[in-house]
Amino acid sequence: MKTSVIMGVTHMSLGVFIKGLNCVYNKQYMELFCEVFGGLVILWGLFGWMDALVIAKWFNPIDI
C-alpha cells in the first residue's frame, strides 16, 4: 500500500511536468504559473511529505 502511494505521487508528478512542458511549448505562461506550479506545491506539500515520512519509517523502524 505504501509503495503504491509513492508510485502514484511519482506518476502524478510526471503528468504535471508534462503539462508544464506543453504550457511552455504553447506559450501559455499564466497556466504554467497558476496550474502547474500551484499543483506541484499542493501535490508535493501534502503527498510528498507523506512519502517522505513513509520512506523515513522504512529506514528507522520502531521496535516496541
C-alpha atoms as a PDB file:
ATOM      1  CA  MET A   1       0.000   0.000   0.000  1.00  0.00           C
ATOM      2  CA  LYS A   2       2.776   2.412   0.871  1.00  0.00           C
ATOM      3  CA  THR A   3       4.665   1.662  -2.323  1.00  0.00           C
ATOM      4  CA  SER A   4       1.556   2.267  -4.404  1.00  0.00           C
ATOM      5  CA  VAL A   5       1.150   5.730  -2.841  1.00  0.00           C
ATOM      6  CA  ILE A   6       4.755   6.581  -3.693  1.00  0.00           C
ATOM      7  CA  MET A   7       4.305   5.309  -7.250  1.00  0.00           C
ATOM      8  CA  GLY A   8       1.049   7.270  -7.582  1.00  0.00           C
ATOM      9  CA  VAL A   9       2.652  10.542  -6.492  1.00  0.00           C
ATOM     10  CA  THR A  10       5.536   9.915  -8.888  1.00  0.00           C
ATOM     11  CA  HIS A  11       3.086   9.245 -11.719  1.00  0.00           C
ATOM     12  CA  MET A  12       1.021  12.368 -10.964  1.00  0.00           C
ATOM     13  CA  SER A  13       4.192  14.475 -10.754  1.00  0.00           C
ATOM     14  CA  LEU A  14       5.286  13.218 -14.165  1.00  0.00           C
ATOM     15  CA  GLY A  15       1.895  14.180 -15.588  1.00  0.00           C
ATOM     16  CA  VAL A  16       2.133  17.683 -14.131  1.00  0.00           C
ATOM     17  CA  PHE A  17       5.656  18.076 -15.554  1.00  0.00           C
ATOM     18  CA  ILE A  18       4.445  17.040 -18.997  1.00  0.00           C
ATOM     19  CA  LYS A  19       1.599  19.555 -18.707  1.00  0.00           C
ATOM     20  CA  GLY A  20       4.220  22.179 -17.826  1.00  0.00           C
ATOM     21  CA  LEU A  21       6.218  21.306 -20.941  1.00  0.00           C
ATOM     22  CA  ASN A  22       3.055  21.650 -23.035  1.00  0.00           C
ATOM     23  CA  CYS A  23       2.358  25.048 -21.468  1.00  0.00           C
ATOM     24  CA  VAL A  24       5.864  26.249 -22.315  1.00  0.00           C
ATOM     25  CA  TYR A  25       5.588  24.889 -25.859  1.00  0.00           C
ATOM     26  CA  ASN A  26       2.204  26.578 -26.403  1.00  0.00           C
ATOM     27  CA  LYS A  27       3.375  29.771 -24.620  1.00  0.00           C
ATOM     28  CA  GLN A  28       0.619  29.608 -22.006  1.00  0.00           C
ATOM     29  CA  TYR A  29       2.652  31.116 -19.192  1.00  0.00           C
ATOM     30  CA  MET A  30      -0.290  32.098 -16.989  1.00  0.00           C
ATOM     31  CA  GLU A  31      -1.499  28.486 -16.973  1.00  0.00           C
ATOM     32  CA  LEU A  32       2.057  27.362 -16.236  1.00  0.00           C
ATOM     33  CA  PHE A  33       2.367  29.524 -13.149  1.00  0.00           C
ATOM     34  CA  CYS A  34      -1.177  29.079 -11.841  1.00  0.00           C
ATOM     35  CA  GLU A  35      -1.926  25.431 -12.558  1.00  0.00           C
ATOM     36  CA  VAL A  36       1.421  23.674 -12.901  1.00  0.00           C
ATOM     37  CA  PHE A  37       3.403  25.388 -10.156  1.00  0.00           C
ATOM     38  CA  GLY A  38       0.369  25.565  -7.886  1.00  0.00           C
ATOM     39  CA  GLY A  39      -0.404  21.907  -8.500  1.00  0.00           C
ATOM     40  CA  LEU A  40       3.148  20.864  -7.722  1.00  0.00           C
ATOM     41  CA  VAL A  41       3.180  22.852  -4.492  1.00  0.00           C
ATOM     42  CA  ILE A  42      -0.038  21.229  -3.327  1.00  0.00           C
ATOM     43  CA  LEU A  43       0.917  17.744  -4.572  1.00  0.00           C
ATOM     44  CA  TRP A  44       4.368  17.743  -3.028  1.00  0.00           C
ATOM     45  CA  GLY A  45       3.282  19.655   0.055  1.00  0.00           C
ATOM     46  CA  LEU A  46       0.658  17.105   1.027  1.00  0.00           C
ATOM     47  CA  PHE A  47       1.578  13.808  -0.571  1.00  0.00           C
ATOM     48  CA  GLY A  48       5.315  14.428  -0.941  1.00  0.00           C
ATOM     49  CA  TRP A  49       5.557  14.959   2.802  1.00  0.00           C
ATOM     50  CA  MET A  50       3.616  11.743   3.377  1.00  0.00           C
ATOM     51  CA  ASP A  51       6.003   9.889   1.064  1.00  0.00           C
ATOM     52  CA  ALA A  52       8.984  11.320   2.920  1.00  0.00           C
ATOM     53  CA  LEU A  53       7.522  10.071   6.199  1.00  0.00           C
ATOM     54  CA  VAL A  54       6.898   6.597   4.738  1.00  0.00           C
ATOM     55  CA  ILE A  55      10.475   6.364   3.479  1.00  0.00           C
ATOM     56  CA  ALA A  56      11.813   7.624   6.819  1.00  0.00           C
ATOM     57  CA  LYS A  57       9.768   4.952   8.586  1.00  0.00           C
ATOM     58  CA  TRP A  58      11.303   2.279   6.358  1.00  0.00           C
ATOM     59  CA  PHE A  59      14.811   3.332   7.354  1.00  0.00           C
ATOM     60  CA  ASN A  60      14.015   3.909  11.050  1.00  0.00           C
ATOM     61  CA  PRO A  61      11.730   1.112  12.220  1.00  0.00           C
ATOM     62  CA  ILE A  62      10.157   1.459  15.647  1.00  0.00           C
ATOM     63  CA  ASP A  63      10.748  -1.634  17.798  1.00  0.00           C
ATOM     64  CA  ILE A  64       8.391  -1.881  20.728  1.00  0.00           C
END
